[in-house]
């Protein structure tokens, strides 16, 4: 008689061992070692930075905490529209604290960059930049980006200390690439 067969769920629960019920176990030495390896890799490959100025507004606001990964530029060069962190190229090399800057890559080696009439031109082509706070009010002369350099600008072009002032950025100054915002202030 089939209706007398034991309930299927009961029979599967009866043979489960205690560890599959979710009882907490303290990690052993191997668990602690895995945790330390992950912690070391995390500290080597990722950083958290705070945004000090409004030069990247509206993409990033003052006080935002951003997660930056440091590994990808060991195997590839920065791409157009990457948001990067780098050491300020105008900073004195003898200073103890280095100034970390966040900007967007708009051109790479071999490109020609020019800003005129409120528009960015890369290789003579006007760029569609919907992420800008406002169009630039300044103009720049045509600049050829040398090998081993990129051209970076802030999203708040009129309030940004970037390549339009100090020129192309050496790739060796780049520290990492923006991944995401960890925290946005509530103001």
Protein backbone atom coordinates (compact mmCIF):
# COMPACT_ATOMS: atom_id res chain seq x y z
CA UNK A 1 0.00 0.00 0.00
CA UNK A 2 1.58 3.19 -1.20
CA UNK A 3 -0.12 5.53 1.31
CA UNK A 4 1.71 3.78 4.13
CA UNK A 5 5.13 4.63 2.66
CA UNK A 6 7.14 6.93 4.99
CA UNK A 7 7.12 10.60 4.15
CA UNK A 8 10.00 11.32 1.74
CA UNK A 9 11.21 14.42 3.59
CA UNK A 10 11.34 12.54 6.89
CA UNK A 11 13.48 9.78 5.41
CA UNK A 12 15.99 12.28 3.96
CA UNK A 13 16.22 14.24 7.23
CA UNK A 14 16.75 11.08 9.23
CA UNK A 15 20.04 10.34 7.45
CA UNK A 16 21.52 13.89 7.57
CA UNK A 17 24.52 14.35 9.80
CA UNK A 18 24.81 17.18 12.33
CA UNK A 19 27.28 19.29 10.29
CA UNK A 20 24.79 19.81 7.47
CA UNK A 21 22.24 21.27 9.92
CA UNK A 22 24.29 24.46 10.16
CA UNK A 23 25.84 24.10 13.60
CA UNK A 24 28.72 26.60 13.82
CA UNK A 25 32.22 25.21 13.92
CA UNK A 26 35.31 27.09 14.91
CA UNK A 27 37.76 27.37 12.04
CA UNK A 28 40.84 25.26 12.27
CA UNK A 29 44.36 26.25 11.34
CA UNK A 30 43.61 25.90 7.62
CA UNK A 31 40.62 28.25 7.91
CA UNK A 32 42.72 30.84 9.71
CA UNK A 33 45.46 30.50 7.11
CA UNK A 34 42.94 31.01 4.28
CA UNK A 35 41.61 34.11 6.00
CA UNK A 36 45.12 35.57 6.32
CA UNK A 37 45.90 34.88 2.64
CA UNK A 38 42.67 36.60 1.56
CA UNK A 39 43.43 39.55 3.87
CA UNK A 40 46.94 39.94 2.44
CA UNK A 41 45.71 39.71 -1.17
CA UNK A 42 42.96 42.22 -0.40
CA UNK A 43 45.46 44.71 1.01
CA UNK A 44 47.82 44.25 -1.94
CA UNK A 45 45.24 44.48 -4.73
CA UNK A 46 42.51 46.80 -3.38
CA UNK A 47 42.45 50.17 -1.63
CA UNK A 48 39.76 52.48 -0.32
CA UNK A 49 40.15 56.22 -0.96
CA UNK A 50 38.09 59.22 0.02
CA UNK A 51 37.21 61.90 -2.56
CA UNK A 52 38.60 65.25 -1.28
CA UNK A 53 37.33 67.64 -4.00
CA UNK A 54 34.49 68.20 -6.44
CA UNK A 55 36.64 67.75 -9.56
CA UNK A 56 34.87 64.48 -10.47
CA UNK A 57 31.32 65.74 -9.74
CA UNK A 58 28.65 64.45 -10.62
CA UNK A 59 30.20 60.97 -10.99
CA UNK A 60 31.90 61.16 -7.57
CA UNK A 61 31.01 63.59 -4.78
CA UNK A 62 33.11 65.07 -2.00
CA UNK A 63 33.39 62.53 0.82
CA UNK A 64 32.58 59.46 -1.30
CA UNK A 65 34.60 56.38 -0.41
CA UNK A 66 35.75 54.52 -3.52
CA UNK A 67 37.17 51.04 -4.01
CA UNK A 68 40.27 51.01 -6.25
CA UNK A 69 41.83 47.87 -7.71
CA UNK A 70 45.56 47.92 -8.37
CA UNK A 71 46.15 44.74 -10.38
CA UNK A 72 44.74 45.28 -13.88
CA UNK A 73 47.29 47.89 -15.00
CA UNK A 74 50.12 45.41 -14.46
CA UNK A 75 48.81 43.45 -17.46
CA UNK A 76 47.16 46.15 -19.59
CA UNK A 77 47.24 49.90 -20.21
CA UNK A 78 44.42 52.24 -19.15
CA UNK A 79 41.43 52.51 -21.49
CA UNK A 80 39.46 55.55 -22.53
CA UNK A 81 36.81 56.46 -19.89
CA UNK A 82 38.59 54.55 -17.09
CA UNK A 83 38.47 56.47 -13.82
CA UNK A 84 41.93 56.16 -12.30
CA UNK A 85 43.84 57.14 -9.18
CA UNK A 86 47.40 58.39 -9.54
CA UNK A 87 50.19 60.30 -7.85
CA UNK A 88 50.09 64.02 -8.60
CA UNK A 89 52.72 64.57 -11.35
CA UNK A 90 53.42 68.14 -10.14
CA UNK A 91 54.20 67.05 -6.58
CA UNK A 92 57.75 67.27 -5.26
CA UNK A 93 59.29 63.78 -5.03
CA UNK A 94 60.82 64.46 -1.60
CA UNK A 95 57.51 64.95 0.21
CA UNK A 96 56.52 62.33 2.75
CA UNK A 97 52.78 62.22 2.02
CA UNK A 98 51.93 61.73 -1.62
CA UNK A 99 48.89 63.46 -3.07
CA UNK A 100 46.47 60.92 -4.63
CA UNK A 101 44.28 62.27 -7.45
CA UNK A 102 41.20 60.78 -9.18
CA UNK A 103 40.44 61.63 -12.83
CA UNK A 104 39.03 60.11 -16.04
CA UNK A 105 41.24 58.96 -18.96
CA UNK A 106 40.11 60.77 -22.13
CA UNK A 107 43.02 59.96 -24.49
CA UNK A 108 45.97 57.59 -24.67
CA UNK A 109 49.38 57.50 -26.35
CA UNK A 110 49.33 58.59 -29.99
CA UNK A 111 46.05 60.55 -29.72
CA UNK A 112 45.72 64.28 -30.31
CA UNK A 113 43.62 66.20 -27.78
CA UNK A 114 42.09 69.65 -27.98
CA UNK A 115 39.39 71.52 -26.06
CA UNK A 116 37.62 74.34 -27.88
CA UNK A 117 34.12 75.84 -27.92
CA UNK A 118 33.13 73.81 -24.85
CA UNK A 119 33.86 70.44 -26.44
CA UNK A 120 36.64 67.85 -26.15
CA UNK A 121 38.13 66.72 -29.46
CA UNK A 122 40.20 63.53 -29.62
CA UNK A 123 41.87 62.98 -33.01
CA UNK A 124 39.59 65.69 -34.44
CA UNK A 125 36.37 63.96 -33.34
CA UNK A 126 34.06 65.67 -30.84
CA UNK A 127 33.44 63.40 -27.83
CA UNK A 128 29.97 62.71 -26.43
CA UNK A 129 30.41 63.20 -22.69
CA UNK A 130 27.02 62.98 -21.00
CA UNK A 131 28.62 62.57 -17.56
CA UNK A 132 29.99 66.16 -17.39
CA UNK A 133 28.79 68.66 -14.78
CA UNK A 134 29.06 71.43 -17.41
CA UNK A 135 30.90 72.07 -20.63
CA UNK A 136 34.45 73.46 -20.28
CA UNK A 137 34.77 77.23 -20.57
CA UNK A 138 38.50 77.06 -21.34
CA UNK A 139 40.30 76.22 -24.56
CA UNK A 140 43.52 74.28 -25.03
CA UNK A 141 45.86 73.98 -27.96
CA UNK A 142 46.18 70.69 -29.80
CA UNK A 143 48.37 68.27 -27.80
CA UNK A 144 49.90 65.00 -29.05
CA UNK A 145 50.03 62.38 -26.27
CA UNK A 146 53.53 60.82 -26.11
CA UNK A 147 54.21 57.11 -25.65
CA UNK A 148 53.84 55.96 -22.03
CA UNK A 149 51.36 58.74 -21.16
CA UNK A 150 47.60 59.32 -20.96
CA UNK A 151 45.51 62.50 -20.90
CA UNK A 152 43.19 62.81 -17.89
CA UNK A 153 40.40 65.28 -17.14
CA UNK A 154 37.93 65.64 -14.28
CA UNK A 155 34.18 65.36 -14.92
CA UNK A 156 33.74 68.84 -13.43
CA UNK A 157 35.99 70.31 -16.14
CA UNK A 158 35.87 73.94 -14.97
CA UNK A 159 36.83 73.00 -11.40
CA UNK A 160 39.53 70.40 -12.02
CA UNK A 161 43.32 70.49 -11.73
CA UNK A 162 44.17 68.02 -14.50
CA UNK A 163 46.01 67.45 -17.80
CA UNK A 164 44.66 70.65 -19.37
CA UNK A 165 46.88 72.49 -16.85
CA UNK A 166 49.94 70.25 -16.40
CA UNK A 167 49.90 68.11 -19.57
CA UNK A 168 49.86 64.34 -20.21
CA UNK A 169 50.17 62.00 -17.22
CA UNK A 170 52.97 59.37 -17.19
CA UNK A 171 51.49 55.85 -16.90
CA UNK A 172 54.07 55.08 -14.18
CA UNK A 173 52.18 57.49 -11.85
CA UNK A 174 48.93 55.47 -12.08
CA UNK A 175 48.06 53.56 -8.90
CA UNK A 176 44.78 51.87 -9.78
CA UNK A 177 41.35 51.84 -11.41
CA UNK A 178 38.05 52.89 -9.82
CA UNK A 179 35.70 49.95 -9.23
CA UNK A 180 32.78 51.32 -7.23
CA UNK A 181 31.67 53.67 -4.49
CA UNK A 182 31.56 52.03 -1.07
CA UNK A 183 29.76 54.87 0.71
CA UNK A 184 27.95 57.99 -0.37
CA UNK A 185 27.41 60.71 2.22
CA UNK A 186 23.81 61.72 2.92
CA UNK A 187 23.92 65.41 2.11
